[in-house]
């Protein structure tokens, strides 16, 4: 009897472990119609003011940090909450890079984030954009929105949508040496190395 109970407990522990480690790190992507409105995804989202005529939908996936390594090579990220993966689509649900619009991605912030903004500005907290097309991070010009006056809960940091990709609120530091470490050698580099080798 004790053996059966022990086996049952062991199986329960194993199954619980599998559940924990197999949990997705993101909420399933959701599809929204692209029309002037606010789309809330927890404490972050999109404020759509206008969009090009060909855009019909927007797909938003909320990712729980940390991001996968392929997005973080050469950067050091201090996250301040979930991350949004945003993709604009046409009527056939094909990806469509938006031209400049008045659409903003936003992150509602609490007192600690407000303090970071007031004391250090974009050096301490800002919105960063990862373009899947160029596979690079860049600063998304961030502005403070005193939204607490309207909702009584949160102020907001926002920036204009720069294109399809990942938007992250936090602090980011770039490794300046990383591109050099992985710089492909040219024929000229090889020739110089060969000549230096002959001189040794």
C-alpha atoms as a PDB file:
ATOM      1  CA  UNK A   1       0.000   0.000   0.000  1.00  0.00           C
ATOM      2  CA  UNK A   2       2.825   2.385   0.955  1.00  0.00           C
ATOM      3  CA  UNK A   3       4.534   1.599  -2.356  1.00  0.00           C
ATOM      4  CA  UNK A   4       1.424   2.581  -4.348  1.00  0.00           C
ATOM      5  CA  UNK A   5       1.080   5.833  -2.428  1.00  0.00           C
ATOM      6  CA  UNK A   6       4.778   6.565  -2.995  1.00  0.00           C
ATOM      7  CA  UNK A   7       4.460   5.898  -6.736  1.00  0.00           C
ATOM      8  CA  UNK A   8       1.346   8.087  -6.925  1.00  0.00           C
ATOM      9  CA  UNK A   9       3.153  10.939  -5.154  1.00  0.00           C
ATOM     10  CA  UNK A  10       6.179  10.561  -7.450  1.00  0.00           C
ATOM     11  CA  UNK A  11       3.984  10.654 -10.563  1.00  0.00           C
ATOM     12  CA  UNK A  12       2.199  13.758  -9.242  1.00  0.00           C
ATOM     13  CA  UNK A  13       5.517  15.518  -8.650  1.00  0.00           C
ATOM     14  CA  UNK A  14       6.799  14.611 -12.128  1.00  0.00           C
ATOM     15  CA  UNK A  15       3.591  15.795 -13.806  1.00  0.00           C
ATOM     16  CA  UNK A  16       3.639  19.039 -11.834  1.00  0.00           C
ATOM     17  CA  UNK A  17       7.250  19.605 -12.917  1.00  0.00           C
ATOM     18  CA  UNK A  18       6.392  18.957 -16.552  1.00  0.00           C
ATOM     19  CA  UNK A  19       3.507  21.416 -16.316  1.00  0.00           C
ATOM     20  CA  UNK A  20       5.698  24.128 -14.807  1.00  0.00           C
ATOM     21  CA  UNK A  21       8.498  23.762 -17.365  1.00  0.00           C
ATOM     22  CA  UNK A  22       6.172  23.379 -20.329  1.00  0.00           C
ATOM     23  CA  UNK A  23       4.127  26.482 -19.523  1.00  0.00           C
ATOM     24  CA  UNK A  24       4.291  28.938 -22.411  1.00  0.00           C
ATOM     25  CA  UNK A  25       6.220  32.153 -21.829  1.00  0.00           C
ATOM     26  CA  UNK A  26       3.613  34.090 -23.746  1.00  0.00           C
ATOM     27  CA  UNK A  27      -0.098  34.547 -23.995  1.00  0.00           C
ATOM     28  CA  UNK A  28      -1.495  33.223 -27.261  1.00  0.00           C
ATOM     29  CA  UNK A  29      -1.442  35.901 -29.989  1.00  0.00           C
ATOM     30  CA  UNK A  30      -4.765  37.671 -30.362  1.00  0.00           C
ATOM     31  CA  UNK A  31      -6.152  39.191 -33.528  1.00  0.00           C
ATOM     32  CA  UNK A  32      -7.903  42.570 -33.391  1.00  0.00           C
ATOM     33  CA  UNK A  33      -9.555  44.678 -36.042  1.00  0.00           C
ATOM     34  CA  UNK A  34      -7.456  47.752 -36.780  1.00  0.00           C
ATOM     35  CA  UNK A  35      -9.725  50.713 -36.188  1.00  0.00           C
ATOM     36  CA  UNK A  36      -9.412  53.923 -34.158  1.00  0.00           C
ATOM     37  CA  UNK A  37      -9.553  52.767 -30.532  1.00  0.00           C
ATOM     38  CA  UNK A  38      -7.492  51.616 -27.543  1.00  0.00           C
ATOM     39  CA  UNK A  39      -6.568  47.933 -27.394  1.00  0.00           C
ATOM     40  CA  UNK A  40      -5.634  46.948 -23.845  1.00  0.00           C
ATOM     41  CA  UNK A  41      -3.452  43.896 -23.225  1.00  0.00           C
ATOM     42  CA  UNK A  42      -3.089  43.963 -19.456  1.00  0.00           C
ATOM     43  CA  UNK A  43      -1.198  47.121 -18.433  1.00  0.00           C
ATOM     44  CA  UNK A  44       0.035  47.753 -21.975  1.00  0.00           C
ATOM     45  CA  UNK A  45      -1.454  48.028 -25.425  1.00  0.00           C
ATOM     46  CA  UNK A  46      -2.054  50.100 -28.548  1.00  0.00           C
ATOM     47  CA  UNK A  47      -3.760  53.427 -29.059  1.00  0.00           C
ATOM     48  CA  UNK A  48      -4.845  53.480 -32.710  1.00  0.00           C
ATOM     49  CA  UNK A  49      -5.586  56.949 -34.064  1.00  0.00           C
ATOM     50  CA  UNK A  50      -5.291  56.291 -37.780  1.00  0.00           C
ATOM     51  CA  UNK A  51      -3.822  53.584 -40.002  1.00  0.00           C
ATOM     52  CA  UNK A  52      -3.080  53.186 -43.718  1.00  0.00           C
ATOM     53  CA  UNK A  53      -6.097  51.919 -45.666  1.00  0.00           C
ATOM     54  CA  UNK A  54      -4.572  48.514 -46.453  1.00  0.00           C
ATOM     55  CA  UNK A  55      -4.186  47.516 -42.789  1.00  0.00           C
ATOM     56  CA  UNK A  56      -7.217  45.594 -41.550  1.00  0.00           C
ATOM     57  CA  UNK A  57      -5.975  43.706 -38.487  1.00  0.00           C
ATOM     58  CA  UNK A  58      -3.326  43.790 -35.791  1.00  0.00           C
ATOM     59  CA  UNK A  59      -1.979  40.717 -34.010  1.00  0.00           C
ATOM     60  CA  UNK A  60      -0.667  41.246 -30.485  1.00  0.00           C
ATOM     61  CA  UNK A  61       1.214  38.692 -28.406  1.00  0.00           C
ATOM     62  CA  UNK A  62       2.134  39.457 -24.785  1.00  0.00           C
ATOM     63  CA  UNK A  63       5.491  37.888 -23.915  1.00  0.00           C
ATOM     64  CA  UNK A  64       6.733  37.232 -20.407  1.00  0.00           C
ATOM     65  CA  UNK A  65      10.404  38.211 -19.989  1.00  0.00           C
ATOM     66  CA  UNK A  66      13.088  37.177 -20.529  1.00  0.00           C
ATOM     67  CA  UNK A  67      12.964  37.133 -24.309  1.00  0.00           C
ATOM     68  CA  UNK A  68      14.487  34.246 -26.256  1.00  0.00           C
ATOM     69  CA  UNK A  69      18.283  34.495 -26.729  1.00  0.00           C
ATOM     70  CA  UNK A  70      17.976  35.215 -30.464  1.00  0.00           C
ATOM     71  CA  UNK A  71      16.482  38.615 -29.532  1.00  0.00           C
ATOM     72  CA  UNK A  72      19.027  39.466 -26.840  1.00  0.00           C
ATOM     73  CA  UNK A  73      22.407  38.827 -28.468  1.00  0.00           C
ATOM     74  CA  UNK A  74      24.659  41.816 -27.845  1.00  0.00           C
ATOM     75  CA  UNK A  75      22.279  43.617 -25.464  1.00  0.00           C
ATOM     76  CA  UNK A  76      21.667  43.679 -21.720  1.00  0.00           C
ATOM     77  CA  UNK A  77      18.003  44.247 -20.844  1.00  0.00           C
ATOM     78  CA  UNK A  78      16.406  45.276 -17.542  1.00  0.00           C
ATOM     79  CA  UNK A  79      12.699  44.587 -18.102  1.00  0.00           C
ATOM     80  CA  UNK A  80       9.945  46.580 -16.411  1.00  0.00           C
ATOM     81  CA  UNK A  81       7.064  44.265 -17.289  1.00  0.00           C
ATOM     82  CA  UNK A  82       5.649  42.150 -20.113  1.00  0.00           C
ATOM     83  CA  UNK A  83       6.732  42.691 -23.717  1.00  0.00           C
ATOM     84  CA  UNK A  84       4.462  43.164 -26.746  1.00  0.00           C
ATOM     85  CA  UNK A  85       5.014  41.507 -30.124  1.00  0.00           C
ATOM     86  CA  UNK A  86       2.940  43.517 -32.620  1.00  0.00           C
ATOM     87  CA  UNK A  87       2.207  42.638 -36.247  1.00  0.00           C
ATOM     88  CA  UNK A  88      -0.042  44.577 -38.633  1.00  0.00           C
ATOM     89  CA  UNK A  89      -1.908  42.553 -41.248  1.00  0.00           C
ATOM     90  CA  UNK A  90      -3.891  43.140 -44.431  1.00  0.00           C
ATOM     91  CA  UNK A  91      -7.306  41.661 -45.219  1.00  0.00           C
ATOM     92  CA  UNK A  92      -5.643  38.352 -46.221  1.00  0.00           C
ATOM     93  CA  UNK A  93      -3.835  38.196 -42.845  1.00  0.00           C
ATOM     94  CA  UNK A  94      -0.457  38.743 -44.517  1.00  0.00           C
ATOM     95  CA  UNK A  95       2.154  40.832 -42.678  1.00  0.00           C
ATOM     96  CA  UNK A  96       2.155  44.454 -43.743  1.00  0.00           C
ATOM     97  CA  UNK A  97       4.699  46.983 -42.533  1.00  0.00           C
ATOM     98  CA  UNK A  98       2.774  50.110 -41.520  1.00  0.00           C
ATOM     99  CA  UNK A  99       3.823  53.441 -42.938  1.00  0.00           C
ATOM    100  CA  UNK A 100       4.171  56.224 -40.324  1.00  0.00           C
ATOM    101  CA  UNK A 101       0.900  56.618 -38.439  1.00  0.00           C
ATOM    102  CA  UNK A 102      -0.409  58.203 -35.272  1.00  0.00           C
ATOM    103  CA  UNK A 103      -0.696  54.785 -33.629  1.00  0.00           C
ATOM    104  CA  UNK A 104       1.113  54.488 -30.286  1.00  0.00           C
ATOM    105  CA  UNK A 105       2.253  51.545 -28.208  1.00  0.00           C
ATOM    106  CA  UNK A 106       1.948  52.287 -24.483  1.00  0.00           C
ATOM    107  CA  UNK A 107       2.894  50.866 -21.091  1.00  0.00           C
ATOM    108  CA  UNK A 108       1.040  51.908 -17.934  1.00  0.00           C
ATOM    109  CA  UNK A 109       3.514  52.641 -15.158  1.00  0.00           C
ATOM    110  CA  UNK A 110       3.361  52.721 -11.362  1.00  0.00           C
ATOM    111  CA  UNK A 111       5.213  54.962  -8.901  1.00  0.00           C
ATOM    112  CA  UNK A 112       8.620  53.173  -9.166  1.00  0.00           C
ATOM    113  CA  UNK A 113       8.655  53.627 -12.960  1.00  0.00           C
ATOM    114  CA  UNK A 114       7.444  57.238 -12.663  1.00  0.00           C
ATOM    115  CA  UNK A 115      10.356  57.906 -10.287  1.00  0.00           C
ATOM    116  CA  UNK A 116      12.840  56.332 -12.726  1.00  0.00           C
ATOM    117  CA  UNK A 117      11.466  58.558 -15.490  1.00  0.00           C
ATOM    118  CA  UNK A 118      11.566  61.722 -13.377  1.00  0.00           C
ATOM    119  CA  UNK A 119      15.094  61.102 -12.098  1.00  0.00           C
ATOM    120  CA  UNK A 120      16.818  59.588 -15.127  1.00  0.00           C
ATOM    121  CA  UNK A 121      14.532  59.974 -18.128  1.00  0.00           C
ATOM    122  CA  UNK A 122      15.271  57.736 -21.095  1.00  0.00           C
ATOM    123  CA  UNK A 123      18.617  56.748 -19.578  1.00  0.00           C
ATOM    124  CA  UNK A 124      16.757  54.798 -16.895  1.00  0.00           C
ATOM    125  CA  UNK A 125      13.488  53.754 -18.525  1.00  0.00           C
ATOM    126  CA  UNK A 126      12.227  53.904 -22.094  1.00  0.00           C
ATOM    127  CA  UNK A 127      10.471  51.918 -24.802  1.00  0.00           C
ATOM    128  CA  UNK A 128      12.721  49.886 -27.109  1.00  0.00           C
ATOM    129  CA  UNK A 129      11.778  48.421 -30.480  1.00  0.00           C
ATOM    130  CA  UNK A 130      13.138  45.250 -32.081  1.00  0.00           C
ATOM    131  CA  UNK A 131      12.639  45.113 -35.839  1.00  0.00           C
ATOM    132  CA  UNK A 132      12.320  41.529 -37.033  1.00  0.00           C
ATOM    133  CA  UNK A 133      13.214  42.755 -40.511  1.00  0.00           C
ATOM    134  CA  UNK A 134      16.582  44.272 -39.596  1.00  0.00           C
ATOM    135  CA  UNK A 135      17.019  42.073 -36.487  1.00  0.00           C
ATOM    136  CA  UNK A 136      18.160  45.099 -34.487  1.00  0.00           C
ATOM    137  CA  UNK A 137      17.027  46.984 -31.387  1.00  0.00           C
ATOM    138  CA  UNK A 138      16.533  50.725 -31.453  1.00  0.00           C
ATOM    139  CA  UNK A 139      15.176  53.370 -29.131  1.00  0.00           C
ATOM    140  CA  UNK A 140      11.500  54.205 -29.689  1.00  0.00           C
ATOM    141  CA  UNK A 141      11.128  57.953 -28.898  1.00  0.00           C
ATOM    142  CA  UNK A 142       9.351  57.750 -25.551  1.00  0.00           C
ATOM    143  CA  UNK A 143       7.023  60.329 -24.054  1.00  0.00           C
ATOM    144  CA  UNK A 144       5.317  60.608 -20.671  1.00  0.00           C
ATOM    145  CA  UNK A 145       1.504  60.673 -20.704  1.00  0.00           C
ATOM    146  CA  UNK A 146      -0.185  61.852 -17.447  1.00  0.00           C
ATOM    147  CA  UNK A 147      -2.939  59.273 -17.838  1.00  0.00           C
ATOM    148  CA  UNK A 148      -3.492  59.040 -14.065  1.00  0.00           C
ATOM    149  CA  UNK A 149      -5.513  62.249 -14.322  1.00  0.00           C
ATOM    150  CA  UNK A 150      -8.086  60.237 -16.323  1.00  0.00           C
ATOM    151  CA  UNK A 151      -7.998  56.742 -14.829  1.00  0.00           C
ATOM    152  CA  UNK A 152      -6.897  57.480 -11.271  1.00  0.00           C
ATOM    153  CA  UNK A 153      -4.469  54.512 -11.353  1.00  0.00           C
ATOM    154  CA  UNK A 154      -1.569  54.735 -13.798  1.00  0.00           C
ATOM    155  CA  UNK A 155       0.481  57.192 -15.751  1.00  0.00           C
ATOM    156  CA  UNK A 156       1.821  55.991 -19.071  1.00  0.00           C
ATOM    157  CA  UNK A 157       4.927  55.874 -21.245  1.00  0.00           C
ATOM    158  CA  UNK A 158       4.211  55.713 -24.965  1.00  0.00           C
ATOM    159  CA  UNK A 159       5.888  55.974 -28.365  1.00  0.00           C
ATOM    160  CA  UNK A 160       4.748  56.022 -31.968  1.00  0.00           C
ATOM    161  CA  UNK A 161       4.679  52.591 -33.596  1.00  0.00           C
ATOM    162  CA  UNK A 162       7.827  52.132 -35.686  1.00  0.00           C
ATOM    163  CA  UNK A 163       6.762  48.949 -37.464  1.00  0.00           C
ATOM    164  CA  UNK A 164       6.096  45.263 -36.901  1.00  0.00           C
ATOM    165  CA  UNK A 165       8.170  43.821 -34.104  1.00  0.00           C
ATOM    166  CA  UNK A 166       8.748  43.671 -30.373  1.00  0.00           C
ATOM    167  CA  UNK A 167       8.215  46.590 -27.989  1.00  0.00           C
ATOM    168  CA  UNK A 168       9.800  46.477 -24.552  1.00  0.00           C
ATOM    169  CA  UNK A 169       9.713  48.839 -21.577  1.00  0.00           C
ATOM    170  CA  UNK A 170      12.879  49.012 -19.524  1.00  0.00           C
ATOM    171  CA  UNK A 171      16.554  49.856 -19.713  1.00  0.00           C
ATOM    172  CA  UNK A 172      18.842  48.581 -22.434  1.00  0.00           C
ATOM    173  CA  UNK A 173      22.607  48.604 -22.776  1.00  0.00           C
ATOM    174  CA  UNK A 174      24.351  47.648 -25.992  1.00  0.00           C
ATOM    175  CA  UNK A 175      27.603  45.716 -26.111  1.00  0.00           C
ATOM    176  CA  UNK A 176      29.697  47.948 -28.386  1.00  0.00           C
ATOM    177  CA  UNK A 177      32.281  45.219 -29.002  1.00  0.00           C
ATOM    178  CA  UNK A 178      29.766  42.549 -30.033  1.00  0.00           C
ATOM    179  CA  UNK A 179      29.580  43.500 -33.740  1.00  0.00           C
ATOM    180  CA  UNK A 180      33.389  43.439 -33.959  1.00  0.00           C
ATOM    181  CA  UNK A 181      33.648  39.990 -32.395  1.00  0.00           C
ATOM    182  CA  UNK A 182      31.423  38.575 -35.107  1.00  0.00           C
ATOM    183  CA  UNK A 183      32.587  40.749 -37.999  1.00  0.00           C
ATOM    184  CA  UNK A 184      33.186  38.544 -41.058  1.00  0.00           C
ATOM    185  CA  UNK A 185      36.741  38.644 -42.358  1.00  0.00           C
ATOM    186  CA  UNK A 186      37.250  40.227 -45.756  1.00  0.00           C
ATOM    187  CA  UNK A 187      39.923  39.215 -48.275  1.00  0.00           C
ATOM    188  CA  UNK A 188      41.930  42.260 -47.212  1.00  0.00           C
ATOM    189  CA  UNK A 189      41.822  41.149 -43.559  1.00  0.00           C
ATOM    190  CA  UNK A 190      43.063  37.703 -44.586  1.00  0.00           C
ATOM    191  CA  UNK A 191      45.910  39.209 -46.663  1.00  0.00           C
ATOM    192  CA  UNK A 192      47.063  41.425 -43.757  1.00  0.00           C
ATOM    193  CA  UNK A 193      46.980  38.471 -41.352  1.00  0.00           C
ATOM    194  CA  UNK A 194      48.988  36.377 -43.824  1.00  0.00           C
ATOM    195  CA  UNK A 195      51.683  39.092 -44.211  1.00  0.00           C
ATOM    196  CA  UNK A 196      51.893  39.550 -40.434  1.00  0.00           C
ATOM    197  CA  UNK A 197      52.331  35.820 -40.109  1.00  0.00           C
ATOM    198  CA  UNK A 198      55.300  35.874 -42.514  1.00  0.00           C
ATOM    199  CA  UNK A 199      56.979  38.615 -40.469  1.00  0.00           C
ATOM    200  CA  UNK A 200      56.818  36.659 -37.208  1.00  0.00           C
END
